[in-house]
Amino acid sequence: MIIALCGFMTAGKTLAGEALSEKTGKKVIDLDRYIEEKEGMKMEDIFSIKGEQYFRKKEEECLGQIVETMDDIILSLGGGTPMNPACSEILRQKTRCVFLTCSPKVLAARMLLLQDGRPLVKDLLKGSTASTPEEKLNLLEEWAVKKLKEREPVYKACSAKTVDTSEWDIERIVGLILGNGQDHQSIKDDA
């Protein structure tokens, strides 16, 4: 079985994937790194040279390759992967997908700290008038709120479970992903 991790950027998919790999002994594949290896360039360069549309098509192609040729792995997805309806369907049909959710305020702080290698965050900050850390945090939080409103229904639709990573307790997160918690269908959606 492939355990796939979806969620917004900086929700903890990569770190949770690595921790799950250590706990279970399963190989972890980071879809963005997999694409970088196939393309022979960093994600930022793929976006700037070939464009986001090219990247999204390559993402769909690589996801299909992974689920058809690998089994019993942990798969860490890019934040936008499930937004492609074909990718979302692959995730529903071929994986046990877990949605890692996180508060917009925490996401904003993480994005500000971890902006290297995140072309969408860099472009957003570069194109804004935000100059102080507080202004940048507010901008990123507003952006996260807007994007989460679009993405959360899609993330939930392709996932069997939702795990909150706002408080980073990796043991708790891994335990919930592996089954010590509720399916998101049984959790009331307050949004």
C-alpha atoms as a PDB file:
ATOM      1  CA  MET A   1       0.000   0.000   0.000  1.00  0.00           C
ATOM      2  CA  ILE A   2       1.147   3.504  -0.817  1.00  0.00           C
ATOM      3  CA  ILE A   3       0.588   6.051   1.950  1.00  0.00           C
ATOM      4  CA  ALA A   4       0.417   9.469   0.285  1.00  0.00           C
ATOM      5  CA  LEU A   5       0.687  12.723   2.219  1.00  0.00           C
ATOM      6  CA  CYS A   6      -1.069  15.788   0.835  1.00  0.00           C
ATOM      7  CA  GLY A   7      -1.523  19.285   2.179  1.00  0.00           C
ATOM      8  CA  PHE A   8      -0.454  22.876   1.791  1.00  0.00           C
ATOM      9  CA  MET A   9       3.218  23.762   1.513  1.00  0.00           C
ATOM     10  CA  THR A  10       5.013  23.633   4.883  1.00  0.00           C
ATOM     11  CA  ALA A  11       2.259  21.505   6.460  1.00  0.00           C
ATOM     12  CA  GLY A  12       4.971  18.927   7.172  1.00  0.00           C
ATOM     13  CA  LYS A  13       4.608  16.389   4.364  1.00  0.00           C
ATOM     14  CA  THR A  14       8.346  15.899   3.837  1.00  0.00           C
ATOM     15  CA  LEU A  15       9.241  15.654   7.539  1.00  0.00           C
ATOM     16  CA  ALA A  16       6.271  13.411   8.300  1.00  0.00           C
ATOM     17  CA  GLY A  17       7.215  11.230   5.321  1.00  0.00           C
ATOM     18  CA  GLU A  18      10.762  10.834   6.624  1.00  0.00           C
ATOM     19  CA  ALA A  19       9.493  10.014  10.125  1.00  0.00           C
ATOM     20  CA  LEU A  20       7.012   7.476   8.713  1.00  0.00           C
ATOM     21  CA  SER A  21       9.827   5.899   6.723  1.00  0.00           C
ATOM     22  CA  GLU A  22      11.946   5.535   9.858  1.00  0.00           C
ATOM     23  CA  LYS A  23       9.009   4.089  11.821  1.00  0.00           C
ATOM     24  CA  THR A  24       7.805   1.622   9.168  1.00  0.00           C
ATOM     25  CA  GLY A  25      10.978   0.857   7.202  1.00  0.00           C
ATOM     26  CA  LYS A  26       9.155   1.847   4.000  1.00  0.00           C
ATOM     27  CA  LYS A  27      10.944   3.882   1.358  1.00  0.00           C
ATOM     28  CA  VAL A  28       9.842   7.510   1.130  1.00  0.00           C
ATOM     29  CA  ILE A  29       9.480   9.232  -2.234  1.00  0.00           C
ATOM     30  CA  ASP A  30       9.135  13.014  -2.373  1.00  0.00           C
ATOM     31  CA  LEU A  31       7.257  13.743  -5.608  1.00  0.00           C
ATOM     32  CA  ASP A  32       8.917  17.141  -6.125  1.00  0.00           C
ATOM     33  CA  ARG A  33      12.414  15.612  -5.694  1.00  0.00           C
ATOM     34  CA  TYR A  34      11.428  12.741  -8.024  1.00  0.00           C
ATOM     35  CA  ILE A  35      10.449  15.273 -10.700  1.00  0.00           C
ATOM     36  CA  GLU A  36      13.679  17.213 -10.165  1.00  0.00           C
ATOM     37  CA  GLU A  37      15.688  14.041 -10.720  1.00  0.00           C
ATOM     38  CA  LYS A  38      13.733  13.190 -13.884  1.00  0.00           C
ATOM     39  CA  GLU A  39      14.141  16.727 -15.240  1.00  0.00           C
ATOM     40  CA  GLY A  40      17.743  17.212 -14.096  1.00  0.00           C
ATOM     41  CA  MET A  41      16.967  20.595 -12.544  1.00  0.00           C
ATOM     42  CA  LYS A  42      15.568  22.184  -9.398  1.00  0.00           C
ATOM     43  CA  MET A  43      11.852  22.863  -9.096  1.00  0.00           C
ATOM     44  CA  GLU A  44      12.478  26.631  -9.096  1.00  0.00           C
ATOM     45  CA  ASP A  45      14.268  26.294 -12.447  1.00  0.00           C
ATOM     46  CA  ILE A  46      11.520  24.102 -13.915  1.00  0.00           C
ATOM     47  CA  PHE A  47       8.970  26.785 -12.948  1.00  0.00           C
ATOM     48  CA  SER A  48      11.050  29.698 -14.274  1.00  0.00           C
ATOM     49  CA  ILE A  49      12.328  28.033 -17.476  1.00  0.00           C
ATOM     50  CA  LYS A  50       9.489  25.715 -18.484  1.00  0.00           C
ATOM     51  CA  GLY A  51       6.552  27.203 -16.568  1.00  0.00           C
ATOM     52  CA  GLU A  52       4.053  25.973 -14.003  1.00  0.00           C
ATOM     53  CA  GLN A  53       1.833  24.305 -16.633  1.00  0.00           C
ATOM     54  CA  TYR A  54       4.763  22.141 -17.792  1.00  0.00           C
ATOM     55  CA  PHE A  55       5.571  21.262 -14.173  1.00  0.00           C
ATOM     56  CA  ARG A  56       1.968  20.257 -13.439  1.00  0.00           C
ATOM     57  CA  LYS A  57       1.868  17.974 -16.491  1.00  0.00           C
ATOM     58  CA  LYS A  58       5.175  16.374 -15.440  1.00  0.00           C
ATOM     59  CA  GLU A  59       3.792  16.005 -11.906  1.00  0.00           C
ATOM     60  CA  GLU A  60       0.785  14.058 -13.222  1.00  0.00           C
ATOM     61  CA  GLU A  61       3.030  11.873 -15.382  1.00  0.00           C
ATOM     62  CA  CYS A  62       5.449  11.100 -12.546  1.00  0.00           C
ATOM     63  CA  LEU A  63       2.654  10.380 -10.046  1.00  0.00           C
ATOM     64  CA  GLY A  64       1.209   7.879 -12.521  1.00  0.00           C
ATOM     65  CA  GLN A  65       4.624   6.230 -12.961  1.00  0.00           C
ATOM     66  CA  ILE A  66       5.147   5.930  -9.211  1.00  0.00           C
ATOM     67  CA  VAL A  67       1.783   4.339  -8.418  1.00  0.00           C
ATOM     68  CA  GLU A  68       2.102   1.894 -11.330  1.00  0.00           C
ATOM     69  CA  THR A  69       5.675   0.783 -10.606  1.00  0.00           C
ATOM     70  CA  MET A  70       6.040   1.028  -6.812  1.00  0.00           C
ATOM     71  CA  ASP A  71       4.175  -0.361  -3.837  1.00  0.00           C
ATOM     72  CA  ASP A  72       4.476  -0.233  -0.054  1.00  0.00           C
ATOM     73  CA  ILE A  73       6.036   3.245   0.004  1.00  0.00           C
ATOM     74  CA  ILE A  74       5.431   6.616   1.631  1.00  0.00           C
ATOM     75  CA  LEU A  75       4.730   9.311  -0.976  1.00  0.00           C
ATOM     76  CA  SER A  76       5.110  12.974  -0.053  1.00  0.00           C
ATOM     77  CA  LEU A  77       3.190  15.133  -2.540  1.00  0.00           C
ATOM     78  CA  GLY A  78       3.581  18.715  -3.635  1.00  0.00           C
ATOM     79  CA  GLY A  79       1.002  21.147  -2.265  1.00  0.00           C
ATOM     80  CA  GLY A  80      -0.649  21.570  -5.669  1.00  0.00           C
ATOM     81  CA  THR A  81      -0.623  17.928  -6.760  1.00  0.00           C
ATOM     82  CA  PRO A  82      -4.217  17.052  -5.762  1.00  0.00           C
ATOM     83  CA  MET A  83      -5.536  20.192  -7.507  1.00  0.00           C
ATOM     84  CA  ASN A  84      -5.088  18.397 -10.828  1.00  0.00           C
ATOM     85  CA  PRO A  85      -8.273  16.288 -11.134  1.00  0.00           C
ATOM     86  CA  ALA A  86      -6.306  13.442 -12.776  1.00  0.00           C
ATOM     87  CA  CYS A  87      -3.831  13.405  -9.868  1.00  0.00           C
ATOM     88  CA  SER A  88      -6.653  13.555  -7.325  1.00  0.00           C
ATOM     89  CA  GLU A  89      -8.293  10.536  -8.959  1.00  0.00           C
ATOM     90  CA  ILE A  90      -4.997   8.598  -8.938  1.00  0.00           C
ATOM     91  CA  LEU A  91      -4.640   9.370  -5.225  1.00  0.00           C
ATOM     92  CA  ARG A  92      -8.190   8.199  -4.466  1.00  0.00           C
ATOM     93  CA  GLN A  93      -7.850   5.007  -6.487  1.00  0.00           C
ATOM     94  CA  LYS A  94      -4.241   3.926  -5.878  1.00  0.00           C
ATOM     95  CA  THR A  95      -3.155   5.262  -2.461  1.00  0.00           C
ATOM     96  CA  ARG A  96      -4.248   5.748   1.112  1.00  0.00           C
ATOM     97  CA  CYS A  97      -3.924   9.518   1.114  1.00  0.00           C
ATOM     98  CA  VAL A  98      -3.685  11.503   4.361  1.00  0.00           C
ATOM     99  CA  PHE A  99      -4.372  15.243   4.404  1.00  0.00           C
ATOM    100  CA  LEU A 100      -1.974  17.123   6.686  1.00  0.00           C
ATOM    101  CA  THR A 101      -3.741  20.317   7.707  1.00  0.00           C
ATOM    102  CA  CYS A 102      -2.289  23.275   9.574  1.00  0.00           C
ATOM    103  CA  SER A 103      -3.459  26.701  10.745  1.00  0.00           C
ATOM    104  CA  PRO A 104      -2.792  29.552   8.286  1.00  0.00           C
ATOM    105  CA  LYS A 105      -0.820  31.461  10.952  1.00  0.00           C
ATOM    106  CA  VAL A 106       1.560  28.528  11.466  1.00  0.00           C
ATOM    107  CA  LEU A 107       1.808  27.923   7.712  1.00  0.00           C
ATOM    108  CA  ALA A 108       2.756  31.583   7.183  1.00  0.00           C
ATOM    109  CA  ALA A 109       5.524  31.420   9.788  1.00  0.00           C
ATOM    110  CA  ARG A 110       6.885  28.208   8.268  1.00  0.00           C
ATOM    111  CA  MET A 111       6.713  29.618   4.719  1.00  0.00           C
ATOM    112  CA  LEU A 112       8.636  32.713   5.760  1.00  0.00           C
ATOM    113  CA  LEU A 113      11.351  30.568   7.351  1.00  0.00           C
ATOM    114  CA  LEU A 114      11.436  27.943   4.587  1.00  0.00           C
ATOM    115  CA  GLN A 115      10.967  30.030   1.445  1.00  0.00           C
ATOM    116  CA  ASP A 116      14.067  28.708  -0.347  1.00  0.00           C
ATOM    117  CA  GLY A 117      12.995  26.254  -3.024  1.00  0.00           C
ATOM    118  CA  ARG A 118       9.414  27.550  -2.949  1.00  0.00           C
ATOM    119  CA  PRO A 119       8.968  29.631  -6.100  1.00  0.00           C
ATOM    120  CA  LEU A 120       5.349  30.576  -5.383  1.00  0.00           C
ATOM    121  CA  VAL A 121       6.270  32.046  -1.966  1.00  0.00           C
ATOM    122  CA  LYS A 122       9.319  33.873  -3.334  1.00  0.00           C
ATOM    123  CA  ASP A 123       7.280  35.361  -6.187  1.00  0.00           C
ATOM    124  CA  LEU A 124       4.516  36.441  -3.816  1.00  0.00           C
ATOM    125  CA  LEU A 125       6.967  38.177  -1.474  1.00  0.00           C
ATOM    126  CA  LYS A 126       8.978  39.706  -4.325  1.00  0.00           C
ATOM    127  CA  GLY A 127       5.828  41.118  -5.936  1.00  0.00           C
ATOM    128  CA  SER A 128       4.543  42.714  -2.734  1.00  0.00           C
ATOM    129  CA  THR A 129       5.291  45.883  -0.793  1.00  0.00           C
ATOM    130  CA  ALA A 130       5.699  43.917   2.444  1.00  0.00           C
ATOM    131  CA  SER A 131       9.068  44.777   3.935  1.00  0.00           C
ATOM    132  CA  THR A 132       8.962  43.939   7.645  1.00  0.00           C
ATOM    133  CA  PRO A 133       8.727  40.376   8.948  1.00  0.00           C
ATOM    134  CA  GLU A 134       5.272  41.193  10.387  1.00  0.00           C
ATOM    135  CA  GLU A 135       4.023  42.491   7.020  1.00  0.00           C
ATOM    136  CA  LYS A 136       5.413  39.415   5.272  1.00  0.00           C
ATOM    137  CA  LEU A 137       3.747  37.121   7.825  1.00  0.00           C
ATOM    138  CA  ASN A 138       0.409  38.898   7.345  1.00  0.00           C
ATOM    139  CA  LEU A 139       0.702  38.648   3.556  1.00  0.00           C
ATOM    140  CA  LEU A 140       1.561  34.942   3.703  1.00  0.00           C
ATOM    141  CA  GLU A 141      -1.235  34.230   6.190  1.00  0.00           C
ATOM    142  CA  GLU A 142      -3.816  35.994   3.993  1.00  0.00           C
ATOM    143  CA  TRP A 143      -2.536  34.060   0.974  1.00  0.00           C
ATOM    144  CA  ALA A 144      -2.685  30.764   2.903  1.00  0.00           C
ATOM    145  CA  VAL A 145      -6.284  31.462   3.995  1.00  0.00           C
ATOM    146  CA  LYS A 146      -7.296  32.147   0.383  1.00  0.00           C
ATOM    147  CA  LYS A 147      -5.489  29.095  -1.020  1.00  0.00           C
ATOM    148  CA  LEU A 148      -6.744  26.779   1.729  1.00  0.00           C
ATOM    149  CA  LYS A 149     -10.322  27.803   0.983  1.00  0.00           C
ATOM    150  CA  GLU A 150      -9.778  26.540  -2.585  1.00  0.00           C
ATOM    151  CA  ARG A 151      -7.687  23.505  -1.733  1.00  0.00           C
ATOM    152  CA  GLU A 152      -9.069  21.983   1.473  1.00  0.00           C
ATOM    153  CA  PRO A 153     -12.177  20.470  -0.149  1.00  0.00           C
ATOM    154  CA  VAL A 154      -9.980  18.856  -2.808  1.00  0.00           C
ATOM    155  CA  TYR A 155      -7.441  17.620  -0.252  1.00  0.00           C
ATOM    156  CA  LYS A 156     -10.236  16.081   1.831  1.00  0.00           C
ATOM    157  CA  ALA A 157     -11.935  14.525  -1.201  1.00  0.00           C
ATOM    158  CA  CYS A 158      -8.860  12.476  -2.127  1.00  0.00           C
ATOM    159  CA  SER A 159      -7.909  11.599   1.463  1.00  0.00           C
ATOM    160  CA  ALA A 160      -8.995   8.916   3.892  1.00  0.00           C
ATOM    161  CA  LYS A 161      -7.903  10.897   6.945  1.00  0.00           C
ATOM    162  CA  THR A 162      -7.026  14.420   8.109  1.00  0.00           C
ATOM    163  CA  VAL A 163      -4.213  15.054  10.606  1.00  0.00           C
ATOM    164  CA  ASP A 164      -3.521  18.503  12.080  1.00  0.00           C
ATOM    165  CA  THR A 165       0.169  19.455  12.167  1.00  0.00           C
ATOM    166  CA  SER A 166      -0.198  22.951  13.654  1.00  0.00           C
ATOM    167  CA  GLU A 167       1.495  21.665  16.811  1.00  0.00           C
ATOM    168  CA  TRP A 168       4.573  19.817  15.658  1.00  0.00           C
ATOM    169  CA  ASP A 169       4.669  16.597  17.674  1.00  0.00           C
ATOM    170  CA  ILE A 170       6.067  14.103  15.182  1.00  0.00           C
ATOM    171  CA  GLU A 171       5.310  11.023  17.296  1.00  0.00           C
ATOM    172  CA  ARG A 172       1.654  12.044  17.601  1.00  0.00           C
ATOM    173  CA  ILE A 173       1.458  12.907  13.876  1.00  0.00           C
ATOM    174  CA  VAL A 174       2.998   9.581  12.810  1.00  0.00           C
ATOM    175  CA  GLY A 175       0.676   7.696  15.166  1.00  0.00           C
ATOM    176  CA  LEU A 176      -2.376   9.421  13.711  1.00  0.00           C
ATOM    177  CA  ILE A 177      -1.250   8.795  10.126  1.00  0.00           C
ATOM    178  CA  LEU A 178      -0.698   5.120  10.866  1.00  0.00           C
ATOM    179  CA  GLY A 179      -4.168   4.722  12.268  1.00  0.00           C
ATOM    180  CA  ASN A 180      -4.455   5.957  15.830  1.00  0.00           C
ATOM    181  CA  GLY A 181      -7.170   8.517  15.101  1.00  0.00           C
ATOM    182  CA  GLN A 182     -10.391   9.337  13.297  1.00  0.00           C
ATOM    183  CA  ASP A 183     -11.113   9.461   9.586  1.00  0.00           C
ATOM    184  CA  HIS A 184     -11.805  13.008   8.486  1.00  0.00           C
ATOM    185  CA  GLN A 185     -15.281  11.948   7.394  1.00  0.00           C
ATOM    186  CA  SER A 186     -16.130  11.517  11.071  1.00  0.00           C
ATOM    187  CA  ILE A 187     -14.733  14.908  12.081  1.00  0.00           C
ATOM    188  CA  LYS A 188     -17.136  17.831  11.747  1.00  0.00           C
ATOM    189  CA  ASP A 189     -16.027  20.385   9.185  1.00  0.00           C
ATOM    190  CA  ASP A 190     -16.309  23.801  10.816  1.00  0.00           C
ATOM    191  CA  ALA A 191     -15.334  25.729   7.703  1.00  0.00           C
END
